[in-house]
Protein backbone atom coordinates (compact mmCIF):
# COMPACT_ATOMS: atom_id res chain seq x y z
CA MET A 1 157.88 147.86 -51.75
CA THR A 2 159.33 144.94 -53.66
CA HIS A 3 157.74 141.76 -54.93
CA PRO A 4 158.19 138.19 -53.74
CA THR A 5 161.13 136.41 -55.28
CA ALA A 6 159.70 133.59 -57.39
CA PRO A 7 160.80 130.08 -56.47
CA GLU A 8 162.90 128.03 -58.82
CA PRO A 9 160.68 125.80 -61.01
CA ALA A 10 161.98 122.70 -59.23
CA ALA A 11 161.08 124.26 -55.88
CA ARG A 12 157.44 124.83 -56.79
CA GLN A 13 155.15 122.43 -54.98
CA GLU A 14 151.48 122.01 -54.33
CA ILE A 15 150.02 122.60 -50.89
CA ASP A 16 149.47 119.16 -49.36
CA THR A 17 146.37 119.29 -47.15
CA SER A 18 146.53 115.58 -46.30
CA VAL A 19 149.58 115.87 -44.03
CA PRO A 20 149.87 118.22 -41.04
CA HIS A 21 152.38 121.02 -41.47
CA SER A 22 154.26 122.77 -38.68
CA ALA A 23 153.64 126.32 -39.98
CA ARG A 24 149.91 125.71 -40.20
CA ILE A 25 149.75 123.99 -36.80
CA TRP A 26 151.67 126.91 -35.28
CA ASN A 27 149.17 129.28 -36.94
CA TYR A 28 146.33 127.26 -35.38
CA TRP A 29 147.86 127.50 -31.91
CA LEU A 30 148.24 131.25 -32.36
CA GLY A 31 144.54 131.54 -33.15
CA GLY A 32 145.00 132.03 -36.91
CA LYS A 33 142.75 130.81 -39.70
CA ASP A 34 145.35 129.66 -42.22
CA ASN A 35 145.20 125.95 -41.48
CA TYR A 36 143.29 122.81 -42.43
CA PRO A 37 141.39 120.12 -40.49
CA VAL A 38 144.46 117.86 -40.58
CA ASP A 39 146.46 120.61 -38.86
CA GLU A 40 143.76 121.18 -36.25
CA GLU A 41 143.66 117.44 -35.55
CA ALA A 42 147.43 117.28 -35.12
CA GLY A 43 147.40 120.43 -33.01
CA ASP A 44 144.61 119.11 -30.80
CA ALA A 45 146.37 115.76 -30.40
CA TYR A 46 149.48 117.64 -29.30
CA THR A 47 147.63 119.84 -26.81
CA ALA A 48 145.87 116.77 -25.39
CA VAL A 49 149.29 115.55 -24.28
CA PHE A 50 150.80 118.98 -23.58
CA PRO A 51 148.38 121.92 -23.29
CA GLY A 52 151.31 124.22 -22.57
CA ILE A 53 152.30 124.30 -26.24
CA VAL A 54 149.83 127.14 -26.82
CA THR A 55 151.60 129.18 -24.14
CA ILE A 56 154.96 128.38 -25.77
CA ALA A 57 153.70 129.48 -29.20
CA ARG A 58 152.37 132.77 -27.86
CA SER A 59 155.46 133.34 -25.69
CA SER A 60 157.61 132.85 -28.78
CA ARG A 61 155.64 135.47 -30.71
CA ALA A 62 155.90 137.89 -27.79
CA PHE A 63 159.68 137.31 -27.64
CA LEU A 64 159.92 138.16 -31.34
CA ARG A 65 158.02 141.40 -30.74
CA ARG A 66 160.20 142.44 -27.80
CA SER A 67 163.51 141.50 -29.45
CA VAL A 68 162.72 143.29 -32.71
CA THR A 69 161.57 146.34 -30.76
CA TYR A 70 164.87 146.31 -28.85
CA LEU A 71 166.87 145.98 -32.06
CA VAL A 72 165.21 148.99 -33.65
CA ALA A 73 164.68 151.24 -30.65
CA GLU A 74 167.86 150.54 -28.66
CA ALA A 75 170.39 148.95 -31.02
CA GLY A 76 169.56 151.18 -33.99
CA VAL A 77 169.12 148.30 -36.46
CA ARG A 78 167.21 149.17 -39.64
CA GLN A 79 167.58 145.94 -41.65
CA PHE A 80 166.17 142.49 -40.88
CA LEU A 81 166.64 139.08 -42.47
CA ASP A 82 163.88 136.86 -41.03
CA VAL A 83 164.50 133.25 -42.08
CA GLY A 84 161.70 130.78 -41.42
CA THR A 85 159.04 133.45 -41.23
CA GLY A 86 156.04 131.13 -41.14
CA LEU A 87 152.49 132.16 -41.89
CA PRO A 88 151.60 135.82 -41.35
CA THR A 89 149.96 136.51 -38.00
CA ALA A 90 149.86 139.52 -35.71
CA ASP A 91 153.13 141.38 -35.10
CA ASN A 92 155.19 140.07 -38.00
CA THR A 93 158.80 141.27 -38.01
CA HIS A 94 158.20 144.04 -40.55
CA GLU A 95 155.16 145.32 -38.67
CA VAL A 96 157.04 145.54 -35.36
CA ALA A 97 160.16 147.09 -36.89
CA GLN A 98 158.39 149.69 -39.04
CA ARG A 99 156.10 150.63 -36.18
CA VAL A 100 159.20 151.92 -34.39
CA ALA A 101 161.17 153.15 -37.43
CA PRO A 102 159.21 153.36 -40.71
CA GLU A 103 162.41 153.30 -42.79
CA CYS A 104 163.25 149.71 -41.78
CA ARG A 105 163.85 147.19 -44.57
CA ILE A 106 162.86 143.57 -44.02
CA VAL A 107 163.29 140.37 -46.02
CA HIS A 108 161.16 137.39 -45.00
CA VAL A 109 162.34 133.93 -46.05
CA ASP A 110 160.44 130.64 -46.10
CA ASN A 111 160.06 127.61 -48.35
CA ASP A 112 156.50 126.61 -47.45
CA PRO A 113 154.21 126.88 -50.50
CA MET A 114 151.35 128.04 -48.26
CA VAL A 115 153.49 130.88 -46.90
CA LEU A 116 154.21 131.85 -50.50
CA THR A 117 150.47 132.11 -51.19
CA HIS A 118 150.22 134.57 -48.30
CA ALA A 119 153.38 136.49 -49.20
CA ARG A 120 151.33 139.54 -50.14
CA ALA A 121 150.54 140.04 -46.45
CA LEU A 122 154.27 140.04 -45.72
CA LEU A 123 154.89 142.76 -48.29
CA HIS A 124 152.87 145.57 -46.75
CA SER A 125 155.45 148.25 -46.09
CA THR A 126 155.63 151.84 -45.04
CA PRO A 127 156.49 154.21 -47.92
CA GLU A 128 159.82 154.95 -46.24
CA GLY A 129 160.88 151.31 -45.89
CA ALA A 130 160.69 148.09 -47.87
CA THR A 131 159.69 144.46 -47.43
CA ASP A 132 160.32 141.40 -49.58
CA TYR A 133 159.50 137.71 -49.46
CA VAL A 134 162.04 135.16 -50.67
CA ASP A 135 161.13 131.55 -51.40
CA ALA A 136 164.24 129.71 -50.18
CA ASP A 137 165.37 127.04 -47.75
CA VAL A 138 167.48 127.84 -44.70
CA ARG A 139 169.65 124.88 -45.72
CA ASP A 140 170.80 126.94 -48.71
CA PRO A 141 172.25 130.01 -46.98
CA ASP A 142 174.03 131.24 -50.10
CA ARG A 143 170.73 131.45 -51.97
CA VAL A 144 169.14 133.19 -48.98
CA LEU A 145 171.89 135.79 -48.88
CA ALA A 146 171.91 136.39 -52.64
CA ALA A 147 168.15 136.95 -52.69
CA ALA A 148 168.20 139.12 -49.56
CA ALA A 149 170.85 141.39 -51.10
CA ARG A 150 168.28 142.56 -53.63
CA THR A 151 166.46 144.42 -50.85
CA LEU A 152 169.04 144.77 -48.07
CA ASP A 153 172.47 146.39 -48.11
CA LEU A 154 174.43 143.59 -46.47
CA THR A 155 177.41 145.88 -45.92
CA ARG A 156 175.29 147.60 -43.24
CA PRO A 157 174.34 146.12 -39.84
CA THR A 158 171.52 143.63 -40.24
CA ALA A 159 169.57 141.53 -37.73
CA LEU A 160 169.31 137.84 -38.59
CA VAL A 161 166.13 136.40 -37.06
CA LEU A 162 165.84 132.61 -36.71
CA SER A 163 162.65 131.98 -34.75
CA ASN A 164 161.69 128.33 -34.28
CA ILE A 165 163.43 127.30 -37.48
CA LEU A 166 166.73 125.70 -36.44
CA GLY A 167 164.88 122.80 -34.79
CA HIS A 168 163.94 121.67 -38.29
CA ILE A 169 167.62 120.96 -38.95
CA ALA A 170 168.15 117.49 -37.50
CA ASP A 171 171.94 117.67 -37.33
CA PHE A 172 173.14 120.17 -34.74
CA ASP A 173 176.50 120.75 -36.41
CA GLN A 174 174.73 121.52 -39.69
CA ALA A 175 172.45 123.97 -37.91
CA ARG A 176 175.48 125.72 -36.37
CA SER A 177 177.25 125.88 -39.73
CA ILE A 178 174.19 127.52 -41.31
CA VAL A 179 174.10 130.17 -38.59
CA THR A 180 177.84 130.75 -38.99
CA ARG A 181 177.57 131.09 -42.79
CA LEU A 182 174.75 133.62 -42.52
CA MET A 183 176.43 135.67 -39.79
CA ASP A 184 179.80 135.61 -41.56
CA ALA A 185 178.14 137.46 -44.44
CA LEU A 186 176.98 140.28 -42.16
CA PRO A 187 179.17 143.13 -40.93
CA SER A 188 180.18 144.21 -37.44
CA GLY A 189 177.22 145.66 -35.57
CA SER A 190 174.83 143.03 -36.94
CA HIS A 191 172.77 140.94 -34.54
CA LEU A 192 171.60 137.35 -34.24
CA CYS A 193 168.21 136.56 -32.70
CA VAL A 194 167.41 132.88 -32.06
CA ASN A 195 164.66 131.11 -30.16
CA ASP A 196 163.81 127.42 -30.22
CA GLY A 197 162.08 124.73 -28.21
CA SER A 198 164.33 123.45 -25.45
CA ARG A 199 165.02 119.94 -24.18
CA GLY A 200 165.75 119.11 -20.57
CA VAL A 201 163.12 121.47 -19.19
CA ASP A 202 159.73 119.74 -19.40
CA PRO A 203 159.50 115.96 -19.98
CA VAL A 204 155.82 116.17 -20.95
CA PHE A 205 156.70 118.62 -23.72
CA GLU A 206 159.41 116.26 -24.93
CA GLN A 207 156.95 113.35 -24.98
CA ALA A 208 154.46 115.38 -27.03
CA GLN A 209 157.15 116.55 -29.43
CA ASP A 210 158.50 113.04 -29.94
CA ALA A 211 154.96 111.84 -30.76
CA TYR A 212 154.52 114.75 -33.17
CA ASN A 213 157.77 113.89 -34.94
CA GLU A 214 156.40 110.39 -35.56
CA SER A 215 153.06 111.67 -36.94
CA GLY A 216 154.28 112.20 -40.51
CA ALA A 217 154.69 115.95 -40.13
CA ALA A 218 158.07 117.56 -40.72
CA PRO A 219 159.99 116.81 -37.51
CA TYR A 220 161.18 119.51 -35.15
CA HIS A 221 164.08 118.68 -32.85
CA LEU A 222 164.25 120.16 -29.38
CA ARG A 223 167.72 121.27 -28.27
CA THR A 224 169.33 121.71 -24.89
CA VAL A 225 169.82 125.20 -23.53
CA GLU A 226 173.56 124.69 -23.97
CA GLN A 227 173.08 123.91 -27.67
CA ILE A 228 170.87 126.96 -28.20
CA THR A 229 173.49 129.08 -26.44
CA ALA A 230 176.18 127.66 -28.73
CA PHE A 231 174.53 129.32 -31.74
CA PHE A 232 175.81 132.61 -30.31
CA ASP A 233 179.46 131.56 -30.04
CA GLY A 234 181.76 134.42 -31.02
CA LEU A 235 179.05 137.03 -30.51
CA ASP A 236 178.34 139.38 -27.62
CA LEU A 237 175.15 138.30 -25.87
CA VAL A 238 172.75 141.06 -24.90
CA ALA A 239 171.57 140.82 -21.27
CA PRO A 240 169.98 138.72 -19.88
CA GLY A 241 171.58 136.18 -22.24
CA VAL A 242 169.84 132.97 -23.30
CA VAL A 243 166.80 132.46 -21.10
CA SER A 244 163.29 131.06 -21.22
CA VAL A 245 161.60 133.41 -23.67
CA PRO A 246 159.08 135.01 -21.27
CA HIS A 247 162.05 136.10 -19.14
CA TRP A 248 163.87 137.93 -21.95
CA ARG A 249 163.33 141.62 -21.19
CA PRO A 250 159.67 141.20 -20.21
CA ASP A 251 157.34 144.15 -20.54
CA PRO A 252 157.63 146.19 -17.33
CA ASP A 253 153.88 146.27 -16.78
CA SER A 254 153.35 142.53 -17.31
CA ALA A 255 152.89 140.06 -14.50
CA PRO A 256 155.83 137.74 -13.81
CA ALA A 257 155.60 134.74 -16.15
CA GLU A 258 156.46 131.14 -15.49
CA PRO A 259 159.36 129.78 -17.56
CA VAL A 260 158.49 127.69 -20.62
CA ALA A 261 160.47 125.10 -22.55
CA GLU A 262 161.57 127.54 -25.20
CA HIS A 263 164.77 129.50 -24.90
CA GLY A 264 166.08 132.43 -26.86
CA GLY A 265 168.53 135.26 -26.89
CA LEU A 266 170.01 138.09 -28.86
CA ALA A 267 173.67 138.85 -29.57
CA ARG A 268 175.73 141.47 -31.39
CA LYS A 269 178.54 140.73 -33.81
CA PRO A 270 181.65 142.60 -32.61
């Protein structure tokens, strides 16, 4: 087990409990306890307009579990770079991966000071594997890669996980360039896993998200399914491609799920 990579002095910041924060609101919707009244108020205001956000949050977490399980059990991946990890909840990437293959090595990346305070929970590892937490911003992919290389061998196939993080990048071209920079640093046989809220599916969701973006919280930008699919350009999509997340390789014993306004997919670098 390794230790969390300390943030640069300039990157250190106090936890602001006066403004709602997306990671804490997401934690609230998932039933977690790592949030404040301001987050509950923002979360409740959101669900008053669009109750389906709780289903989206939980569908996203289930997609992460299924995609990581596929990567380990079927694709043979043993290294994960999870950027935009968020607050620890059930079935974090390292827990899912090491449950299948204890030797997996995982680096979690986030730049939220509250996530940093909970980094210890992200560092529980099997003796055979390793986990690390890196305090870094997805907008600085070179720093992310340099820090990840202290735990991962980036000459070996690695899965890059970007779950509900790219929507925080307002400019779509910038978001694509970040994905490209990160994937360019990984060898053939690596995988990209992306899921994000989707526009053009549910107008009520879009109304709620637009109101949230005006609330003072860090905005999150919904993208069209075509834009989400474009993150995988140059890669080989794994069936069934980019779909509403409940429809991506659902558990065989689960009841058929209705689509939600969140799309995701998984692809292999040739």
